[in-house]
Amino acid sequence: MCGSSAPSPPPAPAPPPEQQDPGVTAARDSERMRRRTSASNTILTGPQGAPGAAPLQVKTLLGQ
């Protein structure tokens, strides 16, 4: 233990690149837009609820 020194720390990671690839940013933006439009298309009711009457089905016996 006498005369030993502490190990040197590992080198720092490289900083992230400043500019991103235009293809990557375009793909990310198009994916974000696709998710935004698909989420807005799933809302079928308004603030007052569903418009019109709900479709009802009469129960039938199995096999008829």
N, C-alpha and C. Protein backbone atom coordinates (compact mmCIF):
# COMPACT_ATOMS: atom_id res chain seq x y z
N MET A 1 0.82 -1.17 0.00
CA MET A 1 0.00 0.00 0.00
C MET A 1 0.87 1.24 0.00
N CYS A 2 2.02 1.07 0.31
CA CYS A 2 2.93 2.20 0.38
C CYS A 2 3.41 2.55 -1.02
N GLY A 3 3.26 3.81 -1.43
CA GLY A 3 3.76 4.26 -2.71
C GLY A 3 2.79 4.06 -3.86
N SER A 4 1.59 3.53 -3.64
CA SER A 4 0.65 3.36 -4.75
C SER A 4 -0.21 4.62 -4.89
N SER A 5 -0.54 4.96 -6.10
CA SER A 5 -1.36 6.15 -6.34
C SER A 5 -2.75 5.72 -6.82
N ALA A 6 -3.68 6.62 -6.73
CA ALA A 6 -5.06 6.35 -7.16
C ALA A 6 -5.09 6.23 -8.68
N PRO A 7 -5.93 5.38 -9.22
CA PRO A 7 -6.01 5.25 -10.68
C PRO A 7 -6.56 6.53 -11.30
N SER A 8 -6.13 6.82 -12.50
CA SER A 8 -6.60 8.03 -13.16
C SER A 8 -8.04 7.81 -13.64
N PRO A 9 -8.85 8.87 -13.61
CA PRO A 9 -10.26 8.72 -14.04
C PRO A 9 -10.33 8.51 -15.55
N PRO A 10 -11.42 7.90 -16.01
CA PRO A 10 -11.56 7.69 -17.46
C PRO A 10 -11.76 9.03 -18.16
N PRO A 11 -11.42 9.12 -19.43
CA PRO A 11 -11.58 10.39 -20.15
C PRO A 11 -13.06 10.78 -20.25
N ALA A 12 -13.30 12.08 -20.31
CA ALA A 12 -14.67 12.59 -20.40
C ALA A 12 -15.25 12.23 -21.77
N PRO A 13 -16.56 11.96 -21.82
CA PRO A 13 -17.18 11.64 -23.12
C PRO A 13 -17.18 12.87 -24.02
N ALA A 14 -17.19 12.63 -25.30
CA ALA A 14 -17.17 13.72 -26.27
C ALA A 14 -18.51 14.47 -26.22
N PRO A 15 -18.49 15.78 -26.41
CA PRO A 15 -19.75 16.54 -26.39
C PRO A 15 -20.61 16.15 -27.59
N PRO A 16 -21.92 16.27 -27.48
CA PRO A 16 -22.80 15.91 -28.61
C PRO A 16 -22.57 16.87 -29.78
N PRO A 17 -22.79 16.43 -30.98
CA PRO A 17 -22.58 17.30 -32.14
C PRO A 17 -23.55 18.48 -32.10
N GLU A 18 -23.10 19.61 -32.60
CA GLU A 18 -23.92 20.82 -32.59
C GLU A 18 -25.02 20.76 -33.64
N GLN A 19 -24.70 20.34 -34.85
CA GLN A 19 -25.69 20.25 -35.90
C GLN A 19 -26.14 18.81 -36.05
N GLN A 20 -27.45 18.65 -36.28
CA GLN A 20 -27.98 17.31 -36.48
C GLN A 20 -28.20 17.07 -37.97
N ASP A 21 -28.22 15.82 -38.32
CA ASP A 21 -28.45 15.42 -39.70
C ASP A 21 -29.86 15.86 -40.11
N PRO A 22 -30.01 16.51 -41.27
CA PRO A 22 -31.34 16.96 -41.69
C PRO A 22 -32.33 15.81 -41.86
N GLY A 23 -31.84 14.65 -42.25
CA GLY A 23 -32.74 13.50 -42.39
C GLY A 23 -33.31 13.05 -41.06
N VAL A 24 -32.48 13.12 -40.02
CA VAL A 24 -32.94 12.72 -38.69
C VAL A 24 -33.97 13.70 -38.16
N THR A 25 -33.73 14.99 -38.32
CA THR A 25 -34.68 15.98 -37.84
C THR A 25 -35.99 15.91 -38.62
N ALA A 26 -35.92 15.67 -39.93
CA ALA A 26 -37.14 15.56 -40.74
C ALA A 26 -37.94 14.33 -40.32
N ALA A 27 -37.27 13.22 -40.07
CA ALA A 27 -37.98 12.01 -39.63
C ALA A 27 -38.62 12.22 -38.26
N ARG A 28 -37.90 12.88 -37.37
CA ARG A 28 -38.44 13.13 -36.04
C ARG A 28 -39.66 14.04 -36.11
N ASP A 29 -39.57 15.09 -36.95
CA ASP A 29 -40.68 16.02 -37.09
C ASP A 29 -41.90 15.35 -37.72
N SER A 30 -41.68 14.51 -38.74
CA SER A 30 -42.81 13.84 -39.38
C SER A 30 -43.45 12.83 -38.42
N GLU A 31 -42.67 12.14 -37.62
CA GLU A 31 -43.22 11.21 -36.63
C GLU A 31 -44.02 11.96 -35.58
N ARG A 32 -43.53 13.09 -35.13
CA ARG A 32 -44.25 13.90 -34.15
C ARG A 32 -45.57 14.38 -34.74
N MET A 33 -45.57 14.82 -36.00
CA MET A 33 -46.78 15.29 -36.65
C MET A 33 -47.77 14.14 -36.84
N ARG A 34 -47.28 12.95 -37.21
CA ARG A 34 -48.15 11.79 -37.39
C ARG A 34 -48.84 11.42 -36.09
N ARG A 35 -48.09 11.43 -34.99
CA ARG A 35 -48.68 11.11 -33.70
C ARG A 35 -49.70 12.15 -33.28
N ARG A 36 -49.40 13.42 -33.56
CA ARG A 36 -50.32 14.48 -33.17
C ARG A 36 -51.64 14.35 -33.93
N THR A 37 -51.58 14.10 -35.24
CA THR A 37 -52.81 13.99 -36.02
C THR A 37 -53.57 12.72 -35.71
N SER A 38 -52.89 11.61 -35.45
CA SER A 38 -53.60 10.37 -35.14
C SER A 38 -54.26 10.45 -33.77
N ALA A 39 -53.66 11.17 -32.84
CA ALA A 39 -54.28 11.31 -31.52
C ALA A 39 -55.51 12.19 -31.60
N SER A 40 -55.50 13.21 -32.44
CA SER A 40 -56.66 14.09 -32.54
C SER A 40 -57.80 13.42 -33.30
N ASN A 41 -57.51 12.44 -34.13
CA ASN A 41 -58.55 11.76 -34.89
C ASN A 41 -59.30 10.73 -34.05
N THR A 42 -58.84 10.39 -32.88
CA THR A 42 -59.51 9.37 -32.08
C THR A 42 -60.58 9.94 -31.18
N ILE A 43 -60.67 11.25 -31.06
CA ILE A 43 -61.68 11.86 -30.20
C ILE A 43 -62.98 11.93 -30.98
N LEU A 44 -63.98 11.18 -30.54
CA LEU A 44 -65.23 11.08 -31.27
C LEU A 44 -66.35 11.90 -30.64
N THR A 45 -66.14 12.47 -29.49
CA THR A 45 -67.18 13.23 -28.84
C THR A 45 -66.74 14.67 -28.65
N GLY A 46 -67.70 15.53 -28.45
CA GLY A 46 -67.43 16.93 -28.19
C GLY A 46 -67.61 17.22 -26.71
N PRO A 47 -67.61 18.50 -26.34
CA PRO A 47 -67.78 18.86 -24.93
C PRO A 47 -69.14 18.47 -24.37
N GLN A 48 -70.17 18.36 -25.24
CA GLN A 48 -71.51 17.99 -24.76
C GLN A 48 -71.75 16.49 -24.81
N GLY A 49 -70.80 15.71 -25.26
CA GLY A 49 -70.96 14.27 -25.35
C GLY A 49 -71.12 13.84 -26.79
N ALA A 50 -71.56 12.62 -26.97
CA ALA A 50 -71.72 12.06 -28.31
C ALA A 50 -72.95 12.67 -28.99
N PRO A 51 -72.82 13.05 -30.27
CA PRO A 51 -73.99 13.60 -30.98
C PRO A 51 -74.94 12.48 -31.40
N GLY A 52 -76.23 12.72 -31.28
CA GLY A 52 -77.22 11.75 -31.73
C GLY A 52 -77.42 10.63 -30.72
N ALA A 53 -78.24 9.69 -31.11
CA ALA A 53 -78.56 8.55 -30.24
C ALA A 53 -77.52 7.45 -30.42
N ALA A 54 -77.33 6.71 -29.37
CA ALA A 54 -76.38 5.60 -29.42
C ALA A 54 -77.00 4.45 -30.20
N PRO A 55 -76.20 3.76 -31.03
CA PRO A 55 -76.76 2.61 -31.76
C PRO A 55 -77.00 1.45 -30.79
N LEU A 56 -78.23 0.99 -30.74
CA LEU A 56 -78.60 -0.10 -29.84
C LEU A 56 -78.91 -1.34 -30.66
N GLN A 57 -78.59 -2.49 -30.10
CA GLN A 57 -78.91 -3.75 -30.72
C GLN A 57 -79.77 -4.56 -29.76
N VAL A 58 -80.75 -5.23 -30.33
CA VAL A 58 -81.63 -6.07 -29.53
C VAL A 58 -80.94 -7.40 -29.34
N LYS A 59 -80.95 -7.89 -28.10
CA LYS A 59 -80.35 -9.19 -27.83
C LYS A 59 -81.13 -10.29 -28.51
N THR A 60 -80.41 -11.24 -29.09
CA THR A 60 -81.05 -12.39 -29.70
C THR A 60 -80.51 -13.66 -29.09
N LEU A 61 -81.22 -14.73 -29.31
CA LEU A 61 -80.74 -16.01 -28.83
C LEU A 61 -79.58 -16.47 -29.71
N LEU A 62 -78.66 -17.17 -29.11
CA LEU A 62 -77.51 -17.65 -29.85
C LEU A 62 -77.94 -18.63 -30.91
N GLY A 63 -77.51 -18.42 -32.14
CA GLY A 63 -77.82 -19.31 -33.24
C GLY A 63 -79.04 -18.89 -34.04
N GLN A 64 -79.68 -17.81 -33.70
CA GLN A 64 -80.85 -17.34 -34.47
C GLN A 64 -80.47 -16.13 -35.28
